[in-house]
């Protein structure tokens, strides 16, 4: 393998590892199976059961025809408190607090369902590549959304010993009087190498609405498709 493919693979590997580490929660709250109780799971739309929330996410036919789509539906009807174990697993991030910026980070939400699509025409360097990923969850920490925005704002540029440099551009930070609060940013990863540097740009979107957080990511070359799926999902949630 030449140096250039190795560098690309390293960058993708680091992003994949980060996403797994950041989004794997240790549950500290309670779990209710079946959703048969009369007590609401949360305020607003968070009162909907897990199955109902999963139905708000895109389906196979919403993605391009050739794409491989997988969904994960947690049907435990859970609402509780948890914490993220955030560490960089030896990847050497500086500042270390910026590690969550390269994955779909915590917003004080328990994710109850997700859907992910992979374009088979893309590089096979990472076998579990997710070109578009959308998740919906119940918000338990009202300060979590703004904490994420503050973190991204502090991490406009940072580095990793394992990969290279990262540059963040905030694309949207909207707080309308009526409608969902939204936050979007892009993350460009650059790995130095010969004969030239290798770069890729990933996109992250978040929306806060009626006790729910919709979050997602889109990979290089799929920004338009990702934005379209995210916006249509948000409209579906708003009309619910």
C-alpha atoms as a PDB file:
ATOM      1  CA  UNK A   1       0.000   0.000   0.000  1.00  0.00           C
ATOM      2  CA  UNK A   2       1.408   3.446  -0.933  1.00  0.00           C
ATOM      3  CA  UNK A   3       1.706   6.241   1.642  1.00  0.00           C
ATOM      4  CA  UNK A   4      -1.305   8.163   0.314  1.00  0.00           C
ATOM      5  CA  UNK A   5      -3.900   5.355   0.790  1.00  0.00           C
ATOM      6  CA  UNK A   6      -2.423   4.675   4.224  1.00  0.00           C
ATOM      7  CA  UNK A   7      -2.908   8.315   5.214  1.00  0.00           C
ATOM      8  CA  UNK A   8      -6.496   8.329   3.992  1.00  0.00           C
ATOM      9  CA  UNK A   9      -7.189   5.102   5.848  1.00  0.00           C
ATOM     10  CA  UNK A  10      -5.633   6.518   9.030  1.00  0.00           C
ATOM     11  CA  UNK A  11      -7.806   9.628   8.908  1.00  0.00           C
ATOM     12  CA  UNK A  12     -10.982   7.629   8.330  1.00  0.00           C
ATOM     13  CA  UNK A  13     -10.033   5.141  11.045  1.00  0.00           C
ATOM     14  CA  UNK A  14      -9.527   7.891  13.604  1.00  0.00           C
ATOM     15  CA  UNK A  15     -12.866   9.486  12.774  1.00  0.00           C
ATOM     16  CA  UNK A  16     -14.629   6.118  13.017  1.00  0.00           C
ATOM     17  CA  UNK A  17     -13.024   5.281  16.371  1.00  0.00           C
ATOM     18  CA  UNK A  18     -13.919   8.718  17.720  1.00  0.00           C
ATOM     19  CA  UNK A  19     -17.560   8.394  16.694  1.00  0.00           C
ATOM     20  CA  UNK A  20     -17.855   5.034  18.468  1.00  0.00           C
ATOM     21  CA  UNK A  21     -16.165   6.235  21.657  1.00  0.00           C
ATOM     22  CA  UNK A  22     -18.162   9.444  21.868  1.00  0.00           C
ATOM     23  CA  UNK A  23     -21.592   8.024  21.198  1.00  0.00           C
ATOM     24  CA  UNK A  24     -21.413   4.950  23.445  1.00  0.00           C
ATOM     25  CA  UNK A  25     -23.195   5.908  26.684  1.00  0.00           C
ATOM     26  CA  UNK A  26     -23.080   4.389  30.135  1.00  0.00           C
ATOM     27  CA  UNK A  27     -26.681   4.439  31.277  1.00  0.00           C
ATOM     28  CA  UNK A  28     -27.284   5.744  34.785  1.00  0.00           C
ATOM     29  CA  UNK A  29     -31.047   6.179  34.573  1.00  0.00           C
ATOM     30  CA  UNK A  30     -34.013   3.868  34.454  1.00  0.00           C
ATOM     31  CA  UNK A  31     -35.467   1.699  31.730  1.00  0.00           C
ATOM     32  CA  UNK A  32     -39.065   0.876  30.987  1.00  0.00           C
ATOM     33  CA  UNK A  33     -39.726  -1.997  28.600  1.00  0.00           C
ATOM     34  CA  UNK A  34     -42.724  -2.005  26.329  1.00  0.00           C
ATOM     35  CA  UNK A  35     -43.850   1.573  26.974  1.00  0.00           C
ATOM     36  CA  UNK A  36     -47.124   0.377  28.434  1.00  0.00           C
ATOM     37  CA  UNK A  37     -47.065   2.651  31.497  1.00  0.00           C
ATOM     38  CA  UNK A  38     -49.170   5.780  31.825  1.00  0.00           C
ATOM     39  CA  UNK A  39     -46.250   7.986  32.899  1.00  0.00           C
ATOM     40  CA  UNK A  40     -44.822  10.081  30.016  1.00  0.00           C
ATOM     41  CA  UNK A  41     -41.233   9.389  29.010  1.00  0.00           C
ATOM     42  CA  UNK A  42     -40.448  13.085  28.777  1.00  0.00           C
ATOM     43  CA  UNK A  43     -41.903  16.506  27.936  1.00  0.00           C
ATOM     44  CA  UNK A  44     -43.268  17.426  24.510  1.00  0.00           C
ATOM     45  CA  UNK A  45     -42.515  14.951  21.733  1.00  0.00           C
ATOM     46  CA  UNK A  46     -40.181  13.091  24.099  1.00  0.00           C
ATOM     47  CA  UNK A  47     -43.355  11.516  25.474  1.00  0.00           C
ATOM     48  CA  UNK A  48     -43.562   9.421  22.298  1.00  0.00           C
ATOM     49  CA  UNK A  49     -42.360   5.816  22.544  1.00  0.00           C
ATOM     50  CA  UNK A  50     -39.137   4.613  20.959  1.00  0.00           C
ATOM     51  CA  UNK A  51     -40.948   2.945  18.065  1.00  0.00           C
ATOM     52  CA  UNK A  52     -42.815   6.166  17.303  1.00  0.00           C
ATOM     53  CA  UNK A  53     -39.599   8.180  17.366  1.00  0.00           C
ATOM     54  CA  UNK A  54     -37.861   5.658  15.100  1.00  0.00           C
ATOM     55  CA  UNK A  55     -40.650   6.094  12.545  1.00  0.00           C
ATOM     56  CA  UNK A  56     -39.718   9.767  12.229  1.00  0.00           C
ATOM     57  CA  UNK A  57     -36.308   8.913  10.768  1.00  0.00           C
ATOM     58  CA  UNK A  58     -35.691   8.364   7.032  1.00  0.00           C
ATOM     59  CA  UNK A  59     -36.388   4.959   5.488  1.00  0.00           C
ATOM     60  CA  UNK A  60     -34.517   2.949   2.852  1.00  0.00           C
ATOM     61  CA  UNK A  61     -36.402   4.600  -0.032  1.00  0.00           C
ATOM     62  CA  UNK A  62     -35.431   8.075   1.206  1.00  0.00           C
ATOM     63  CA  UNK A  63     -31.762   7.329   0.418  1.00  0.00           C
ATOM     64  CA  UNK A  64     -30.313   6.997  -3.098  1.00  0.00           C
ATOM     65  CA  UNK A  65     -31.341   3.681  -4.671  1.00  0.00           C
ATOM     66  CA  UNK A  66     -27.871   2.070  -4.660  1.00  0.00           C
ATOM     67  CA  UNK A  67     -27.081   2.887  -1.019  1.00  0.00           C
ATOM     68  CA  UNK A  68     -26.756   0.350   1.787  1.00  0.00           C
ATOM     69  CA  UNK A  69     -28.975   1.468   4.682  1.00  0.00           C
ATOM     70  CA  UNK A  70     -29.025   0.156   8.243  1.00  0.00           C
ATOM     71  CA  UNK A  71     -31.216   1.257  11.116  1.00  0.00           C
ATOM     72  CA  UNK A  72     -30.869   0.715  14.840  1.00  0.00           C
ATOM     73  CA  UNK A  73     -34.066   0.939  16.825  1.00  0.00           C
ATOM     74  CA  UNK A  74     -33.851   0.754  20.570  1.00  0.00           C
ATOM     75  CA  UNK A  75     -37.331  -0.267  21.689  1.00  0.00           C
ATOM     76  CA  UNK A  76     -36.831  -0.100  25.447  1.00  0.00           C
ATOM     77  CA  UNK A  77     -38.752   3.203  25.854  1.00  0.00           C
ATOM     78  CA  UNK A  78     -35.948   4.677  27.931  1.00  0.00           C
ATOM     79  CA  UNK A  79     -35.709   8.076  29.554  1.00  0.00           C
ATOM     80  CA  UNK A  80     -32.978   8.684  32.090  1.00  0.00           C
ATOM     81  CA  UNK A  81     -29.603  10.147  32.855  1.00  0.00           C
ATOM     82  CA  UNK A  82     -26.281   8.900  31.593  1.00  0.00           C
ATOM     83  CA  UNK A  83     -22.759  10.157  31.096  1.00  0.00           C
ATOM     84  CA  UNK A  84     -20.274   9.838  28.246  1.00  0.00           C
ATOM     85  CA  UNK A  85     -16.823   8.410  28.814  1.00  0.00           C
ATOM     86  CA  UNK A  86     -14.864  10.810  26.603  1.00  0.00           C
ATOM     87  CA  UNK A  87     -11.220   9.933  26.055  1.00  0.00           C
ATOM     88  CA  UNK A  88      -9.091   9.957  22.945  1.00  0.00           C
ATOM     89  CA  UNK A  89      -7.878   6.340  23.221  1.00  0.00           C
ATOM     90  CA  UNK A  90      -4.255   7.360  22.660  1.00  0.00           C
ATOM     91  CA  UNK A  91      -4.952   9.460  19.547  1.00  0.00           C
ATOM     92  CA  UNK A  92      -3.234  12.481  21.145  1.00  0.00           C
ATOM     93  CA  UNK A  93      -5.713  15.323  20.660  1.00  0.00           C
ATOM     94  CA  UNK A  94      -4.577  18.843  21.512  1.00  0.00           C
ATOM     95  CA  UNK A  95      -6.513  20.408  23.157  1.00  0.00           C
ATOM     96  CA  UNK A  96      -7.908  17.119  24.488  1.00  0.00           C
ATOM     97  CA  UNK A  97     -11.383  18.609  25.016  1.00  0.00           C
ATOM     98  CA  UNK A  98     -11.780  18.921  21.230  1.00  0.00           C
ATOM     99  CA  UNK A  99     -11.956  15.155  20.716  1.00  0.00           C
ATOM    100  CA  UNK A 100     -15.814  15.053  20.606  1.00  0.00           C
ATOM    101  CA  UNK A 101     -15.888  17.575  17.745  1.00  0.00           C
ATOM    102  CA  UNK A 102     -14.963  14.837  15.245  1.00  0.00           C
ATOM    103  CA  UNK A 103     -18.008  12.712  16.103  1.00  0.00           C
ATOM    104  CA  UNK A 104     -21.698  13.250  16.753  1.00  0.00           C
ATOM    105  CA  UNK A 105     -21.126  14.555  20.265  1.00  0.00           C
ATOM    106  CA  UNK A 106     -23.309  14.545  23.366  1.00  0.00           C
ATOM    107  CA  UNK A 107     -26.034  17.167  23.612  1.00  0.00           C
ATOM    108  CA  UNK A 108     -27.503  15.907  26.880  1.00  0.00           C
ATOM    109  CA  UNK A 109     -29.642  13.421  24.977  1.00  0.00           C
ATOM    110  CA  UNK A 110     -30.402   9.723  25.148  1.00  0.00           C
ATOM    111  CA  UNK A 111     -30.437   8.456  21.549  1.00  0.00           C
ATOM    112  CA  UNK A 112     -33.289   6.027  20.990  1.00  0.00           C
ATOM    113  CA  UNK A 113     -33.005   5.332  17.236  1.00  0.00           C
ATOM    114  CA  UNK A 114     -30.677   5.941  14.323  1.00  0.00           C
ATOM    115  CA  UNK A 115     -30.369   5.264  10.614  1.00  0.00           C
ATOM    116  CA  UNK A 116     -27.182   5.260   8.551  1.00  0.00           C
ATOM    117  CA  UNK A 117     -26.514   5.000   4.828  1.00  0.00           C
ATOM    118  CA  UNK A 118     -23.358   4.079   2.921  1.00  0.00           C
ATOM    119  CA  UNK A 119     -22.642   4.848  -0.716  1.00  0.00           C
ATOM    120  CA  UNK A 120     -21.031   1.645  -2.103  1.00  0.00           C
ATOM    121  CA  UNK A 121     -19.257   3.739  -4.760  1.00  0.00           C
ATOM    122  CA  UNK A 122     -17.131   5.356  -2.037  1.00  0.00           C
ATOM    123  CA  UNK A 123     -13.738   4.172  -0.855  1.00  0.00           C
ATOM    124  CA  UNK A 124     -13.691   0.875   1.013  1.00  0.00           C
ATOM    125  CA  UNK A 125     -10.863   1.935   3.351  1.00  0.00           C
ATOM    126  CA  UNK A 126     -13.236   1.719   6.306  1.00  0.00           C
ATOM    127  CA  UNK A 127     -15.592  -1.245   6.195  1.00  0.00           C
ATOM    128  CA  UNK A 128     -18.234   0.349   8.435  1.00  0.00           C
ATOM    129  CA  UNK A 129     -18.296   3.703   6.630  1.00  0.00           C
ATOM    130  CA  UNK A 130     -21.380   5.796   7.329  1.00  0.00           C
ATOM    131  CA  UNK A 131     -21.779   8.473   4.675  1.00  0.00           C
ATOM    132  CA  UNK A 132     -25.004   9.798   6.218  1.00  0.00           C
ATOM    133  CA  UNK A 133     -26.103   9.148   9.785  1.00  0.00           C
ATOM    134  CA  UNK A 134     -29.188  10.500  11.569  1.00  0.00           C
ATOM    135  CA  UNK A 135     -30.190   9.983  15.207  1.00  0.00           C
ATOM    136  CA  UNK A 136     -33.143  11.092  17.311  1.00  0.00           C
ATOM    137  CA  UNK A 137     -33.141  11.199  21.091  1.00  0.00           C
ATOM    138  CA  UNK A 138     -34.867  12.558  24.162  1.00  0.00           C
ATOM    139  CA  UNK A 139     -33.258  15.596  25.755  1.00  0.00           C
ATOM    140  CA  UNK A 140     -32.589  15.316  29.485  1.00  0.00           C
ATOM    141  CA  UNK A 141     -30.096  18.164  29.978  1.00  0.00           C
ATOM    142  CA  UNK A 142     -31.358  21.583  28.765  1.00  0.00           C
ATOM    143  CA  UNK A 143     -27.803  22.955  28.926  1.00  0.00           C
ATOM    144  CA  UNK A 144     -26.350  20.214  26.706  1.00  0.00           C
ATOM    145  CA  UNK A 145     -27.111  21.802  23.329  1.00  0.00           C
ATOM    146  CA  UNK A 146     -25.483  25.123  24.174  1.00  0.00           C
ATOM    147  CA  UNK A 147     -22.546  23.291  25.798  1.00  0.00           C
ATOM    148  CA  UNK A 148     -21.863  21.599  22.452  1.00  0.00           C
ATOM    149  CA  UNK A 149     -21.987  24.942  20.624  1.00  0.00           C
ATOM    150  CA  UNK A 150     -19.540  26.426  23.120  1.00  0.00           C
ATOM    151  CA  UNK A 151     -17.169  23.465  22.705  1.00  0.00           C
ATOM    152  CA  UNK A 152     -17.176  23.671  18.893  1.00  0.00           C
ATOM    153  CA  UNK A 153     -16.580  27.432  19.100  1.00  0.00           C
ATOM    154  CA  UNK A 154     -13.488  26.854  21.265  1.00  0.00           C
ATOM    155  CA  UNK A 155     -12.158  24.196  18.882  1.00  0.00           C
ATOM    156  CA  UNK A 156     -11.911  26.081  15.598  1.00  0.00           C
ATOM    157  CA  UNK A 157      -8.474  24.493  15.095  1.00  0.00           C
ATOM    158  CA  UNK A 158      -6.899  21.527  16.864  1.00  0.00           C
ATOM    159  CA  UNK A 159      -4.519  18.626  16.190  1.00  0.00           C
ATOM    160  CA  UNK A 160      -4.126  14.900  16.698  1.00  0.00           C
ATOM    161  CA  UNK A 161      -0.823  13.054  16.983  1.00  0.00           C
ATOM    162  CA  UNK A 162      -2.356  10.069  15.178  1.00  0.00           C
ATOM    163  CA  UNK A 163      -3.901  11.938  12.247  1.00  0.00           C
ATOM    164  CA  UNK A 164      -2.978  15.613  11.787  1.00  0.00           C
ATOM    165  CA  UNK A 165      -4.813  18.924  11.819  1.00  0.00           C
ATOM    166  CA  UNK A 166      -8.502  19.806  12.039  1.00  0.00           C
ATOM    167  CA  UNK A 167     -10.317  23.018  11.050  1.00  0.00           C
ATOM    168  CA  UNK A 168     -13.915  23.809  12.018  1.00  0.00           C
ATOM    169  CA  UNK A 169     -16.317  26.181  10.257  1.00  0.00           C
ATOM    170  CA  UNK A 170     -19.651  27.009  11.871  1.00  0.00           C
ATOM    171  CA  UNK A 171     -22.299  26.967   9.130  1.00  0.00           C
ATOM    172  CA  UNK A 172     -25.381  27.840  11.196  1.00  0.00           C
ATOM    173  CA  UNK A 173     -26.213  28.837  14.760  1.00  0.00           C
ATOM    174  CA  UNK A 174     -29.881  29.846  14.756  1.00  0.00           C
ATOM    175  CA  UNK A 175     -32.164  30.417  17.741  1.00  0.00           C
ATOM    176  CA  UNK A 176     -35.538  31.561  16.347  1.00  0.00           C
ATOM    177  CA  UNK A 177     -38.378  32.666  18.610  1.00  0.00           C
ATOM    178  CA  UNK A 178     -40.554  30.045  16.923  1.00  0.00           C
ATOM    179  CA  UNK A 179     -39.149  26.830  15.491  1.00  0.00           C
ATOM    180  CA  UNK A 180     -36.244  24.535  16.314  1.00  0.00           C
ATOM    181  CA  UNK A 181     -32.858  25.717  17.518  1.00  0.00           C
ATOM    182  CA  UNK A 182     -30.262  24.608  14.953  1.00  0.00           C
ATOM    183  CA  UNK A 183     -26.500  24.250  14.821  1.00  0.00           C
ATOM    184  CA  UNK A 184     -24.355  23.076  11.882  1.00  0.00           C
ATOM    185  CA  UNK A 185     -20.624  22.934  11.277  1.00  0.00           C
ATOM    186  CA  UNK A 186     -18.080  21.392   8.944  1.00  0.00           C
ATOM    187  CA  UNK A 187     -14.861  19.691   9.988  1.00  0.00           C
ATOM    188  CA  UNK A 188     -11.912  19.480   7.597  1.00  0.00           C
ATOM    189  CA  UNK A 189      -9.284  16.875   8.453  1.00  0.00           C
ATOM    190  CA  UNK A 190      -5.842  17.276   6.886  1.00  0.00           C
ATOM    191  CA  UNK A 191      -3.134  14.615   6.988  1.00  0.00           C
ATOM    192  CA  UNK A 192       0.351  15.665   5.864  1.00  0.00           C
ATOM    193  CA  UNK A 193       1.970  13.298   3.409  1.00  0.00           C
ATOM    194  CA  UNK A 194       3.755  12.750   0.128  1.00  0.00           C
ATOM    195  CA  UNK A 195       3.313  13.730  -2.632  1.00  0.00           C
ATOM    196  CA  UNK A 196       0.601  15.979  -1.177  1.00  0.00           C
ATOM    197  CA  UNK A 197      -1.561  16.480   1.899  1.00  0.00           C
ATOM    198  CA  UNK A 198      -4.783  14.494   2.125  1.00  0.00           C
ATOM    199  CA  UNK A 199      -7.952  16.316   3.229  1.00  0.00           C
ATOM    200  CA  UNK A 200     -11.596  15.428   3.744  1.00  0.00           C
ATOM    201  CA  UNK A 201     -14.542  17.430   5.055  1.00  0.00           C
ATOM    202  CA  UNK A 202     -17.360  16.055   7.181  1.00  0.00           C
ATOM    203  CA  UNK A 203     -20.590  17.832   8.140  1.00  0.00           C
ATOM    204  CA  UNK A 204     -22.515  17.804  11.416  1.00  0.00           C
ATOM    205  CA  UNK A 205     -26.050  19.040  12.103  1.00  0.00           C
ATOM    206  CA  UNK A 206     -28.127  19.355  15.268  1.00  0.00           C
ATOM    207  CA  UNK A 207     -31.678  20.557  15.925  1.00  0.00           C
ATOM    208  CA  UNK A 208     -33.509  20.942  19.230  1.00  0.00           C
ATOM    209  CA  UNK A 209     -37.304  20.701  19.159  1.00  0.00           C
ATOM    210  CA  UNK A 210     -40.043  19.881  21.686  1.00  0.00           C
ATOM    211  CA  UNK A 211     -37.983  17.731  24.051  1.00  0.00           C
ATOM    212  CA  UNK A 212     -36.077  15.989  21.230  1.00  0.00           C
ATOM    213  CA  UNK A 213     -32.653  16.395  19.645  1.00  0.00           C
ATOM    214  CA  UNK A 214     -32.130  15.414  16.013  1.00  0.00           C
ATOM    215  CA  UNK A 215     -28.441  14.986  15.188  1.00  0.00           C
ATOM    216  CA  UNK A 216     -26.474  13.665  12.266  1.00  0.00           C
ATOM    217  CA  UNK A 217     -23.372  13.619  10.111  1.00  0.00           C
ATOM    218  CA  UNK A 218     -22.543  13.562   6.417  1.00  0.00           C
ATOM    219  CA  UNK A 219     -19.235  12.658   4.769  1.00  0.00           C
ATOM    220  CA  UNK A 220     -17.235  14.329   2.024  1.00  0.00           C
ATOM    221  CA  UNK A 221     -19.197  14.589  -1.212  1.00  0.00           C
ATOM    222  CA  UNK A 222     -22.570  13.974   0.436  1.00  0.00           C
ATOM    223  CA  UNK A 223     -23.331  17.368   1.976  1.00  0.00           C
ATOM    224  CA  UNK A 224     -26.342  18.089  -0.245  1.00  0.00           C
ATOM    225  CA  UNK A 225     -27.952  14.677   0.297  1.00  0.00           C
ATOM    226  CA  UNK A 226     -27.291  14.909   4.045  1.00  0.00           C
ATOM    227  CA  UNK A 227     -28.813  18.391   4.333  1.00  0.00           C
ATOM    228  CA  UNK A 228     -31.875  17.248   2.379  1.00  0.00           C
ATOM    229  CA  UNK A 229     -32.476  14.201   4.590  1.00  0.00           C
ATOM    230  CA  UNK A 230     -31.880  16.179   7.775  1.00  0.00           C
ATOM    231  CA  UNK A 231     -34.254  18.984   6.763  1.00  0.00           C
ATOM    232  CA  UNK A 232     -37.030  16.612   5.647  1.00  0.00           C
ATOM    233  CA  UNK A 233     -36.712  14.663   8.913  1.00  0.00           C
ATOM    234  CA  UNK A 234     -36.894  17.867  10.932  1.00  0.00           C
ATOM    235  CA  UNK A 235     -40.058  18.916   9.059  1.00  0.00           C
ATOM    236  CA  UNK A 236     -41.589  15.509   9.793  1.00  0.00           C
ATOM    237  CA  UNK A 237     -40.809  15.898  13.499  1.00  0.00           C
ATOM    238  CA  UNK A 238     -42.189  19.460  13.568  1.00  0.00           C
ATOM    239  CA  UNK A 239     -45.461  18.335  11.975  1.00  0.00           C
ATOM    240  CA  UNK A 240     -45.828  15.458  14.454  1.00  0.00           C
END
